[in-house]
Amino acid sequence: MLRAHLYDMEREKIMQARSSDRKKQIGTGDRSEHMRTYNFPQGRVTDHHINLALYKIDLHNISIIMINVITLIVRIITLC
């Protein structure tokens, strides 16, 4: 019985640690955590963390533009 209780306590501790790590990685989804704003009707994409705003985006070229934006962000992150 003691062994089962100790096992449950250890398992709970591991689950809490995993939950905490997961929450740090995923976040809560609050508005303050949003990094990028897509406003397709106005043709605008804004990344608030690096202060990048792209205007007059043609929806047909959005995939090319997003690849370039993601590449730029990765380069900035790797330089930091």
Protein backbone atom coordinates (compact mmCIF):
# COMPACT_ATOMS: atom_id res chain seq x y z
CA MET A 1 0.00 0.00 0.00
CA LEU A 2 2.83 2.38 0.82
CA ARG A 3 4.53 1.46 -2.43
CA ALA A 4 1.39 2.28 -4.43
CA HIS A 5 1.05 5.64 -2.65
CA LEU A 6 4.69 6.52 -3.34
CA TYR A 7 4.24 5.49 -6.97
CA ASP A 8 1.16 7.72 -7.30
CA MET A 9 2.99 10.65 -5.74
CA GLU A 10 5.96 10.25 -8.11
CA ARG A 11 3.68 9.86 -11.12
CA GLU A 12 1.75 13.02 -10.15
CA LYS A 13 5.01 14.95 -9.80
CA ILE A 14 6.13 13.83 -13.28
CA MET A 15 2.76 14.72 -14.81
CA GLN A 16 2.84 18.19 -13.25
CA ALA A 17 6.35 18.78 -14.60
CA ARG A 18 5.27 17.70 -18.09
CA SER A 19 2.18 19.87 -17.90
CA SER A 20 4.25 22.86 -16.84
CA ASP A 21 6.73 22.32 -19.68
CA ARG A 22 3.90 21.92 -22.20
CA LYS A 23 2.22 25.11 -21.02
CA LYS A 24 5.47 27.06 -21.37
CA GLN A 25 5.91 25.82 -24.93
CA ILE A 26 2.33 26.25 -26.08
CA GLY A 27 1.25 29.28 -24.08
CA THR A 28 -2.27 30.19 -23.18
CA GLY A 29 -3.37 31.71 -26.48
CA ASP A 30 -4.11 35.05 -24.89
CA ARG A 31 -4.27 38.05 -27.15
CA SER A 32 -1.02 39.38 -25.69
CA GLU A 33 0.81 36.27 -26.93
CA HIS A 34 -0.21 36.65 -30.53
CA MET A 35 2.81 37.34 -32.65
CA ARG A 36 1.32 37.79 -36.09
CA THR A 37 -1.81 39.48 -37.37
CA TYR A 38 -3.26 38.52 -40.74
CA ASN A 39 -5.67 41.02 -42.26
CA PHE A 40 -6.35 39.61 -45.72
CA PRO A 41 -9.22 41.93 -46.70
CA GLN A 42 -6.83 44.86 -46.34
CA GLY A 43 -3.86 42.90 -47.70
CA ARG A 44 -1.78 43.28 -44.56
CA VAL A 45 0.37 40.97 -42.43
CA THR A 46 1.97 42.31 -39.24
CA ASP A 47 4.50 40.61 -36.97
CA HIS A 48 4.34 42.52 -33.70
CA HIS A 49 7.43 41.06 -32.06
CA ILE A 50 9.87 42.18 -34.74
CA ASN A 51 7.86 45.24 -35.82
CA LEU A 52 7.43 44.02 -39.41
CA ALA A 53 4.37 45.06 -41.40
CA LEU A 54 3.71 44.04 -44.98
CA TYR A 55 1.07 45.99 -46.90
CA LYS A 56 -0.70 45.52 -50.23
CA ILE A 57 -0.18 41.78 -50.24
CA ASP A 58 -1.56 39.98 -53.26
CA LEU A 59 -3.39 36.89 -52.02
CA HIS A 60 -2.04 34.85 -54.92
CA ASN A 61 1.52 35.40 -53.71
CA ILE A 62 0.85 34.96 -50.00
CA SER A 63 2.68 31.62 -49.78
CA ILE A 64 5.85 33.12 -51.27
CA ILE A 65 5.64 36.12 -48.96
CA MET A 66 5.07 33.95 -45.87
CA ILE A 67 8.08 31.77 -46.74
CA ASN A 68 10.20 34.93 -46.95
CA VAL A 69 8.81 36.23 -43.65
CA ILE A 70 9.45 32.92 -41.90
CA THR A 71 12.98 32.80 -43.34
CA LEU A 72 13.62 36.35 -42.10
CA ILE A 73 12.34 35.48 -38.62
CA VAL A 74 14.52 32.37 -38.46
CA ARG A 75 17.56 34.41 -39.48
CA ILE A 76 16.84 37.02 -36.81
CA ILE A 77 16.39 34.34 -34.16
CA THR A 78 19.62 32.59 -35.09
CA LEU A 79 21.54 35.87 -34.87
CA CYS A 80 20.33 36.56 -31.34
